Amino acid sequence: MSPILLVTLALALYLMATIAWVQALRSVPLSVAFMFNSLAFVLVPVAGFVVFGEPIPRFFLLGLALIIGGILLVTYG
């Protein structure tokens, strides 16, 4: 793939993410939406494990559990 195509694709995906973020902020409070933004710290390592077979260290699992626990606490608590 050419670098120009990759940059164009990256910008298009960034634009889509920004539009999705603005739409989310219209329906939920910022404090709740921002907590779900931290799901990227959970989903990226899990995707790395599933797609590339990367190991997930034990201390990292603790961090993932804390993030998920915080999201659940804010959402349901």
C-alpha atoms as a PDB file:
ATOM      1  CA  MET A   1       0.000   0.000   0.000  1.00  0.00           C
ATOM      2  CA  SER A   2       1.211   3.460  -0.777  1.00  0.00           C
ATOM      3  CA  PRO A   3       1.876   5.884   2.084  1.00  0.00           C
ATOM      4  CA  ILE A   4      -0.655   8.377   0.710  1.00  0.00           C
ATOM      5  CA  LEU A   5      -3.379   5.728   0.750  1.00  0.00           C
ATOM      6  CA  LEU A   6      -2.493   4.757   4.319  1.00  0.00           C
ATOM      7  CA  VAL A   7      -2.595   8.382   5.497  1.00  0.00           C
ATOM      8  CA  THR A   8      -5.922   8.932   3.742  1.00  0.00           C
ATOM      9  CA  LEU A   9      -7.354   5.802   5.336  1.00  0.00           C
ATOM     10  CA  ALA A  10      -6.071   6.851   8.766  1.00  0.00           C
ATOM     11  CA  LEU A  11      -7.610  10.315   8.424  1.00  0.00           C
ATOM     12  CA  ALA A  12     -10.939   8.861   7.296  1.00  0.00           C
ATOM     13  CA  LEU A  13     -11.029   6.491  10.261  1.00  0.00           C
ATOM     14  CA  TYR A  14     -10.092   9.316  12.622  1.00  0.00           C
ATOM     15  CA  LEU A  15     -12.924  11.425  11.211  1.00  0.00           C
ATOM     16  CA  MET A  16     -15.372   8.566  11.710  1.00  0.00           C
ATOM     17  CA  ALA A  17     -14.202   8.092  15.303  1.00  0.00           C
ATOM     18  CA  THR A  18     -14.617  11.804  16.000  1.00  0.00           C
ATOM     19  CA  ILE A  19     -18.135  11.810  14.579  1.00  0.00           C
ATOM     20  CA  ALA A  20     -19.023   8.751  16.665  1.00  0.00           C
ATOM     21  CA  TRP A  21     -17.613  10.472  19.785  1.00  0.00           C
ATOM     22  CA  VAL A  22     -19.712  13.605  19.181  1.00  0.00           C
ATOM     23  CA  GLN A  23     -22.809  11.488  18.626  1.00  0.00           C
ATOM     24  CA  ALA A  24     -22.131   9.614  21.871  1.00  0.00           C
ATOM     25  CA  LEU A  25     -21.802  12.880  23.773  1.00  0.00           C
ATOM     26  CA  ARG A  26     -25.247  13.902  22.571  1.00  0.00           C
ATOM     27  CA  SER A  27     -26.874  10.937  24.296  1.00  0.00           C
ATOM     28  CA  VAL A  28     -24.826  10.322  27.463  1.00  0.00           C
ATOM     29  CA  PRO A  29     -23.024  12.542  29.975  1.00  0.00           C
ATOM     30  CA  LEU A  30     -19.331  13.216  29.439  1.00  0.00           C
ATOM     31  CA  SER A  31     -18.366  11.383  32.638  1.00  0.00           C
ATOM     32  CA  VAL A  32     -19.949   8.171  31.370  1.00  0.00           C
ATOM     33  CA  ALA A  33     -18.753   8.533  27.774  1.00  0.00           C
ATOM     34  CA  PHE A  34     -15.179   9.169  28.878  1.00  0.00           C
ATOM     35  CA  MET A  35     -15.169   5.998  30.957  1.00  0.00           C
ATOM     36  CA  PHE A  36     -16.114   3.997  27.893  1.00  0.00           C
ATOM     37  CA  ASN A  37     -13.284   5.726  26.046  1.00  0.00           C
ATOM     38  CA  SER A  38     -10.906   3.881  28.360  1.00  0.00           C
ATOM     39  CA  LEU A  39     -12.121   0.603  26.875  1.00  0.00           C
ATOM     40  CA  ALA A  40      -9.436   1.106  24.231  1.00  0.00           C
ATOM     41  CA  PHE A  41      -6.885   0.182  26.899  1.00  0.00           C
ATOM     42  CA  VAL A  42      -8.742  -3.109  27.304  1.00  0.00           C
ATOM     43  CA  LEU A  43      -9.642  -3.894  23.709  1.00  0.00           C
ATOM     44  CA  VAL A  44      -6.241  -3.230  22.131  1.00  0.00           C
ATOM     45  CA  PRO A  45      -4.292  -5.768  24.250  1.00  0.00           C
ATOM     46  CA  VAL A  46      -7.080  -8.330  23.905  1.00  0.00           C
ATOM     47  CA  ALA A  47      -7.085  -7.836  20.130  1.00  0.00           C
ATOM     48  CA  GLY A  48      -3.291  -8.169  20.131  1.00  0.00           C
ATOM     49  CA  PHE A  49      -3.637 -11.456  21.975  1.00  0.00           C
ATOM     50  CA  VAL A  50      -6.377 -12.790  19.700  1.00  0.00           C
ATOM     51  CA  VAL A  51      -4.982 -11.575  16.366  1.00  0.00           C
ATOM     52  CA  PHE A  52      -1.210 -11.716  16.885  1.00  0.00           C
ATOM     53  CA  GLY A  53      -0.856 -14.139  19.789  1.00  0.00           C
ATOM     54  CA  GLU A  54       0.893 -11.560  21.976  1.00  0.00           C
ATOM     55  CA  PRO A  55       1.150 -12.549  25.623  1.00  0.00           C
ATOM     56  CA  ILE A  56      -0.672 -10.487  28.239  1.00  0.00           C
ATOM     57  CA  PRO A  57       1.412 -10.137  31.432  1.00  0.00           C
ATOM     58  CA  ARG A  58      -0.250 -10.833  34.789  1.00  0.00           C
ATOM     59  CA  PHE A  59       0.160  -7.271  36.069  1.00  0.00           C
ATOM     60  CA  PHE A  60      -1.540  -6.067  32.914  1.00  0.00           C
ATOM     61  CA  LEU A  61      -4.509  -8.317  33.629  1.00  0.00           C
ATOM     62  CA  LEU A  62      -4.848  -6.572  36.984  1.00  0.00           C
ATOM     63  CA  GLY A  63      -4.972  -3.214  35.203  1.00  0.00           C
ATOM     64  CA  LEU A  64      -7.566  -4.506  32.758  1.00  0.00           C
ATOM     65  CA  ALA A  65      -9.698  -5.744  35.652  1.00  0.00           C
ATOM     66  CA  LEU A  66      -9.453  -2.352  37.373  1.00  0.00           C
ATOM     67  CA  ILE A  67     -10.498  -0.523  34.206  1.00  0.00           C
ATOM     68  CA  ILE A  68     -13.455  -2.828  33.625  1.00  0.00           C
ATOM     69  CA  GLY A  69     -14.423  -2.579  37.298  1.00  0.00           C
ATOM     70  CA  GLY A  70     -14.320   1.217  37.132  1.00  0.00           C
ATOM     71  CA  ILE A  71     -16.484   1.270  34.039  1.00  0.00           C
ATOM     72  CA  LEU A  72     -19.020  -1.035  35.657  1.00  0.00           C
ATOM     73  CA  LEU A  73     -19.007   1.054  38.830  1.00  0.00           C
ATOM     74  CA  VAL A  74     -19.647   4.295  36.948  1.00  0.00           C
ATOM     75  CA  THR A  75     -22.249   2.719  34.684  1.00  0.00           C
ATOM     76  CA  TYR A  76     -24.287   0.775  37.227  1.00  0.00           C
ATOM     77  CA  GLY A  77     -23.218   2.232  40.579  1.00  0.00           C
END
